[in-house]
Amino acid sequence: MIWVLLACTAPQDTQPVADTGSPLPGSERPVTEPEWDLPTLESELNWLLSQGFPTSQAAMEQYLEVMSHGDSVCPGNEEYIDATNLRGCTADSGYFYSGVSTYERQSFTEEGGNQISFEGSTGDYLFRNPDGLEMEGGGHQTLAIVVNPQGEVNNVFSEHSGSFIWQAHDGVYKEQVSGSLQVVAVEVGDFKQLHMQGAISYLGHALFFETDLWEECGWRSDAGVVEVRDPSGGWFTLGPQSCQSDCMTATFAGEVQGEVCVDLSLIAQAYGRELDLLP
């Protein structure tokens, strides 16, 4: 696997910091009132999802597209930065590459007969195109497809972890995307499902998911919650929906605020290619 832990050792002559005896700064009181009212919350979330949704597959495709502008000297390979170019180099195309990065594909068979097809990109890097627009990443994106012994796809696992930005992107990656979000596409009975767990931040909004989106419910969530960060720093908790309505109960600091209606099917659209792999 491509995941490597990089250990950093502190200089041996570093002196301990003296204790001045000053007290630590006090924490602010917990936020109990949101800045957004419910119409604003509903509008902001619907707008955000209408702009698209970050996926690991999309980030990997952009990484590979930028790497394709390199050459055999800089960065040294179409999938990774050669070790001689860690501090930066400029390819004949005018693209600049620096840092540590790699991309790989693997396939293997588990003991039970399931076949796993895996691809992933990882690193800590800064690229720049001839116009000065930057791609910067720190973390990893992965996609794994599990095929059972009968040759059918059991599930598709996607993880977007760390931070990623591509300023030339005309969608959600034009500003930094960060967080750690795992999404599993699976078939349950005759219908498809997206299981979502983790947090993601993009286009100035932060979301947390612990929910399942069901095809048979019009890609609504009839269990679990979605949380949205208010500008105050507190979090709205939304959910669940029913199979008949986009609306769900919103609470803040444990207090029910009312209902908001959000089209979560836009998330399923972003994962359309992963869902299409299912039988």
Protein backbone atom coordinates (compact mmCIF):
# COMPACT_ATOMS: atom_id res chain seq x y z
CA MET A 1 0.00 0.00 0.00
CA ILE A 2 1.05 3.57 -0.56
CA TRP A 3 0.48 4.86 2.96
CA VAL A 4 3.81 5.66 4.58
CA LEU A 5 4.27 7.32 7.94
CA LEU A 6 6.91 10.02 7.85
CA ALA A 7 8.53 10.52 11.24
CA CYS A 8 10.15 13.84 12.06
CA THR A 9 12.87 13.92 14.71
CA ALA A 10 13.39 17.11 16.72
CA PRO A 11 16.95 18.48 16.93
CA GLN A 12 18.83 17.05 19.88
CA ASP A 13 20.03 20.47 21.10
CA THR A 14 16.53 21.89 21.46
CA GLN A 15 16.07 23.32 24.97
CA PRO A 16 12.85 22.78 26.95
CA VAL A 17 10.53 25.75 27.19
CA ALA A 18 10.57 27.34 30.63
CA ASP A 19 7.27 27.37 32.55
CA THR A 20 6.38 31.02 33.13
CA GLY A 21 3.59 30.15 35.54
CA SER A 22 1.04 32.12 33.52
CA PRO A 23 -2.42 30.57 33.38
CA LEU A 24 -3.71 29.17 30.10
CA PRO A 25 -6.22 31.34 28.24
CA GLY A 26 -9.78 30.64 29.28
CA SER A 27 -12.13 29.07 26.75
CA GLU A 28 -15.14 30.94 25.50
CA ARG A 29 -18.58 29.97 26.67
CA PRO A 30 -20.36 27.38 24.52
CA VAL A 31 -22.33 28.82 21.62
CA THR A 32 -26.05 28.60 22.37
CA GLU A 33 -27.52 30.81 19.64
CA PRO A 34 -26.98 30.34 15.89
CA GLU A 35 -26.28 33.23 13.54
CA TRP A 36 -28.27 31.65 10.71
CA ASP A 37 -32.03 31.46 10.90
CA LEU A 38 -33.69 28.41 9.32
CA PRO A 39 -34.39 29.98 5.89
CA THR A 40 -30.72 30.97 5.67
CA LEU A 41 -29.56 27.51 6.75
CA GLU A 42 -31.80 25.87 4.16
CA SER A 43 -30.67 28.25 1.42
CA GLU A 44 -26.96 27.87 2.23
CA LEU A 45 -27.05 24.08 2.27
CA ASN A 46 -29.10 23.76 -0.90
CA TRP A 47 -26.76 26.22 -2.64
CA LEU A 48 -23.68 24.32 -1.47
CA LEU A 49 -24.93 20.96 -2.73
CA SER A 50 -26.00 22.52 -6.02
CA GLN A 51 -22.34 23.45 -6.63
CA GLY A 52 -21.32 19.79 -6.52
CA PHE A 53 -19.77 17.50 -3.94
CA PRO A 54 -16.09 16.47 -3.49
CA THR A 55 -15.23 12.86 -4.34
CA SER A 56 -11.92 11.04 -4.16
CA GLN A 57 -12.27 9.91 -7.77
CA ALA A 58 -12.59 13.51 -8.98
CA ALA A 59 -9.53 14.59 -6.98
CA MET A 60 -7.43 11.72 -8.33
CA GLU A 61 -8.40 12.52 -11.92
CA GLN A 62 -7.30 16.13 -11.47
CA TYR A 63 -4.02 15.03 -9.90
CA LEU A 64 -3.27 12.74 -12.85
CA GLU A 65 -4.23 15.41 -15.38
CA VAL A 66 -1.75 17.90 -13.88
CA MET A 67 0.95 15.22 -13.64
CA SER A 68 0.45 14.46 -17.36
CA HIS A 69 2.02 17.85 -18.18
CA GLY A 70 5.34 16.77 -16.68
CA ASP A 71 8.23 15.04 -18.43
CA SER A 72 10.81 12.32 -17.78
CA VAL A 73 13.06 14.74 -15.89
CA CYS A 74 10.46 16.82 -14.02
CA PRO A 75 8.68 15.42 -12.08
CA GLY A 76 10.28 12.23 -13.43
CA ASN A 77 7.16 10.10 -13.77
CA GLU A 78 3.49 10.54 -14.73
CA GLU A 79 2.31 9.16 -11.39
CA TYR A 80 4.79 10.38 -8.77
CA ILE A 81 7.46 12.98 -8.05
CA ASP A 82 10.96 11.59 -8.39
CA ALA A 83 12.96 11.86 -5.16
CA THR A 84 15.44 14.23 -6.83
CA ASN A 85 12.68 16.81 -7.31
CA LEU A 86 11.33 17.13 -3.77
CA ARG A 87 12.41 20.77 -3.57
CA GLY A 88 10.79 21.66 -6.87
CA CYS A 89 11.39 21.64 -10.60
CA THR A 90 9.84 23.09 -13.74
CA ALA A 91 8.93 20.83 -16.67
CA ASP A 92 9.32 21.82 -20.32
CA SER A 93 5.56 22.50 -20.34
CA GLY A 94 6.02 25.25 -17.74
CA TYR A 95 4.35 23.26 -14.95
CA PHE A 96 6.10 23.39 -11.57
CA TYR A 97 6.20 20.31 -9.28
CA SER A 98 7.41 20.01 -5.67
CA GLY A 99 6.92 17.87 -2.60
CA VAL A 100 6.13 14.19 -2.14
CA SER A 101 3.36 12.48 -4.08
CA THR A 102 2.46 9.15 -5.61
CA TYR A 103 -0.40 7.32 -7.29
CA GLU A 104 -0.86 3.59 -7.61
CA ARG A 105 -3.24 0.85 -8.67
CA GLN A 106 -3.38 -2.61 -7.15
CA SER A 107 -5.51 -5.72 -7.50
CA PHE A 108 -5.52 -8.71 -5.16
CA THR A 109 -7.78 -11.55 -4.05
CA GLU A 110 -8.88 -12.04 -0.45
CA GLU A 111 -8.95 -15.43 1.24
CA GLY A 112 -12.71 -15.72 0.77
CA GLY A 113 -12.43 -15.17 -2.97
CA ASN A 114 -13.36 -11.48 -3.18
CA GLN A 115 -11.22 -9.52 -5.61
CA ILE A 116 -10.17 -6.01 -4.60
CA SER A 117 -9.27 -3.37 -7.17
CA PHE A 118 -7.64 -0.38 -5.49
CA GLU A 119 -6.36 2.99 -6.65
CA GLY A 120 -5.10 5.86 -4.55
CA SER A 121 -3.10 9.05 -4.54
CA THR A 122 -1.28 10.39 -1.53
CA GLY A 123 1.32 12.99 -0.64
CA ASP A 124 2.20 16.48 0.50
CA TYR A 125 2.81 18.54 -2.60
CA LEU A 126 2.52 21.85 -4.43
CA PHE A 127 2.10 22.09 -8.21
CA ARG A 128 1.70 25.24 -10.31
CA ASN A 129 0.60 25.66 -13.92
CA PRO A 130 2.13 28.22 -16.32
CA ASP A 131 -0.59 30.72 -15.35
CA GLY A 132 0.45 30.57 -11.70
CA LEU A 133 -2.60 28.61 -10.53
CA GLU A 134 -1.78 26.08 -7.82
CA MET A 135 -2.72 22.54 -6.95
CA GLU A 136 -1.87 21.73 -3.35
CA GLY A 137 -2.56 18.50 -1.53
CA GLY A 138 -1.82 16.92 1.80
CA GLY A 139 -3.35 13.52 2.62
CA HIS A 140 -4.87 10.86 0.42
CA GLN A 141 -7.74 9.89 -1.84
CA THR A 142 -8.66 6.25 -2.37
CA LEU A 143 -11.16 4.18 -4.31
CA ALA A 144 -11.59 0.42 -3.77
CA ILE A 145 -13.95 -1.90 -5.66
CA VAL A 146 -14.86 -5.26 -4.10
CA VAL A 147 -15.96 -7.98 -6.54
CA ASN A 148 -17.40 -11.23 -5.15
CA PRO A 149 -16.44 -14.72 -6.43
CA GLN A 150 -19.50 -14.63 -8.71
CA GLY A 151 -18.05 -11.62 -10.51
CA GLU A 152 -20.49 -9.02 -9.13
CA VAL A 153 -19.45 -5.81 -7.41
CA ASN A 154 -20.21 -6.07 -3.69
CA ASN A 155 -19.36 -2.49 -2.77
CA VAL A 156 -17.34 0.53 -3.75
CA PHE A 157 -15.37 2.31 -1.01
CA SER A 158 -14.24 5.93 -1.37
CA GLU A 159 -12.20 8.00 1.07
CA HIS A 160 -11.24 11.66 0.85
CA SER A 161 -8.83 12.55 3.66
CA GLY A 162 -6.66 15.61 4.19
CA SER A 163 -6.75 18.77 2.08
CA PHE A 164 -6.82 19.41 -1.66
CA ILE A 165 -7.16 22.48 -3.88
CA TRP A 166 -6.85 23.05 -7.63
CA GLN A 167 -7.32 26.73 -8.39
CA ALA A 168 -7.92 26.06 -12.10
CA HIS A 169 -10.89 23.82 -11.31
CA ASP A 170 -14.28 25.19 -12.35
CA GLY A 171 -16.09 23.42 -9.51
CA VAL A 172 -15.77 22.62 -5.82
CA TYR A 173 -11.96 22.25 -5.87
CA LYS A 174 -11.30 25.87 -6.85
CA GLU A 175 -11.13 26.50 -3.09
CA GLN A 176 -9.62 24.19 -0.50
CA VAL A 177 -11.46 20.97 0.30
CA SER A 178 -10.50 19.38 3.61
CA GLY A 179 -11.67 16.75 6.05
CA SER A 180 -11.96 12.99 6.31
CA LEU A 181 -15.00 11.40 4.69
CA GLN A 182 -15.64 7.74 3.94
CA VAL A 183 -18.44 6.76 1.55
CA VAL A 184 -19.49 3.20 0.71
CA ALA A 185 -21.78 2.43 -2.24
CA VAL A 186 -23.54 -0.89 -1.79
CA GLU A 187 -26.63 -2.72 -3.01
CA VAL A 188 -29.18 -3.73 -0.35
CA GLY A 189 -31.90 -5.95 -1.79
CA ASP A 190 -32.98 -4.44 -5.09
CA PHE A 191 -31.84 -0.91 -4.25
CA LYS A 192 -28.59 0.98 -3.94
CA GLN A 193 -27.36 2.78 -0.83
CA LEU A 194 -24.66 5.31 0.09
CA HIS A 195 -23.28 5.02 3.60
CA MET A 196 -21.54 8.25 4.65
CA GLN A 197 -19.31 8.74 7.70
CA GLY A 198 -17.05 11.68 8.50
CA ALA A 199 -16.60 15.37 7.83
CA ILE A 200 -15.87 17.51 4.79
CA SER A 201 -15.35 21.25 4.36
CA TYR A 202 -15.60 23.07 1.01
CA LEU A 203 -16.64 26.41 -0.46
CA GLY A 204 -16.63 27.96 2.99
CA HIS A 205 -19.03 25.42 4.55
CA ALA A 206 -18.38 22.48 6.88
CA LEU A 207 -20.50 19.32 6.97
CA PHE A 208 -20.55 16.16 9.06
CA PHE A 209 -22.26 12.94 7.97
CA GLU A 210 -23.37 9.89 9.87
CA THR A 211 -26.12 8.69 7.61
CA ASP A 212 -27.32 6.43 4.81
CA LEU A 213 -28.87 7.70 1.59
CA TRP A 214 -31.32 5.24 0.03
CA GLU A 215 -32.19 4.93 -3.65
CA GLU A 216 -35.63 3.55 -2.78
CA CYS A 217 -36.31 6.78 -0.83
CA GLY A 218 -35.30 9.05 -3.69
CA TRP A 219 -31.80 9.32 -2.19
CA ARG A 220 -33.18 10.70 1.06
CA SER A 221 -31.86 9.76 4.49
CA ASP A 222 -34.38 7.93 6.67
CA ALA A 223 -31.77 7.28 9.38
CA GLY A 224 -28.77 9.10 10.80
CA VAL A 225 -27.94 12.79 10.74
CA VAL A 226 -26.25 15.50 8.73
CA GLU A 227 -24.60 18.35 10.65
CA VAL A 228 -23.87 21.82 9.30
CA ARG A 229 -21.51 24.32 10.95
CA ASP A 230 -23.09 27.69 11.71
CA PRO A 231 -20.90 30.85 11.38
CA SER A 232 -21.08 31.13 15.18
CA GLY A 233 -19.01 27.95 15.47
CA GLY A 234 -21.87 25.79 16.68
CA TRP A 235 -23.48 23.01 14.67
CA PHE A 236 -26.97 22.42 13.36
CA THR A 237 -28.03 18.77 13.48
CA LEU A 238 -30.45 17.76 10.72
CA GLY A 239 -32.40 14.57 10.33
CA PRO A 240 -33.68 12.17 9.64
CA GLN A 241 -35.82 12.59 6.54
CA SER A 242 -38.72 10.35 5.55
CA CYS A 243 -39.02 8.62 2.19
CA GLN A 244 -41.77 11.07 1.25
CA SER A 245 -40.15 14.41 2.03
CA ASP A 246 -36.86 16.34 1.81
CA CYS A 247 -37.68 18.04 5.11
CA MET A 248 -36.03 17.20 8.43
CA THR A 249 -35.88 18.53 11.96
CA ALA A 250 -33.09 20.99 12.75
CA THR A 251 -31.67 21.28 16.25
CA PHE A 252 -28.97 23.57 17.63
CA ALA A 253 -27.32 23.09 21.03
CA GLY A 254 -29.91 20.44 21.76
CA GLU A 255 -32.83 22.76 21.06
CA VAL A 256 -35.29 22.07 18.26
CA GLN A 257 -35.32 25.01 15.84
CA GLY A 258 -37.87 23.77 13.30
CA GLU A 259 -37.68 22.13 9.86
CA VAL A 260 -35.49 22.62 6.81
CA CYS A 261 -35.87 20.93 3.42
CA VAL A 262 -32.68 19.87 1.61
CA ASP A 263 -32.19 17.87 -1.60
CA LEU A 264 -29.60 15.27 -0.55
CA SER A 265 -30.00 13.43 -3.88
CA LEU A 266 -27.43 15.89 -5.26
CA ILE A 267 -24.80 13.97 -3.27
CA ALA A 268 -25.82 10.72 -4.99
CA GLN A 269 -25.39 12.47 -8.35
CA ALA A 270 -21.77 13.25 -7.44
CA TYR A 271 -21.18 9.53 -6.73
CA GLY A 272 -22.96 8.41 -9.90
CA ARG A 273 -19.93 6.63 -11.36
CA GLU A 274 -19.39 4.66 -8.16
CA LEU A 275 -23.07 3.72 -7.98
CA ASP A 276 -23.08 2.67 -11.65
CA LEU A 277 -20.47 0.02 -10.84
CA LEU A 278 -22.99 -1.83 -8.69
CA PRO A 279 -25.08 -4.58 -10.39
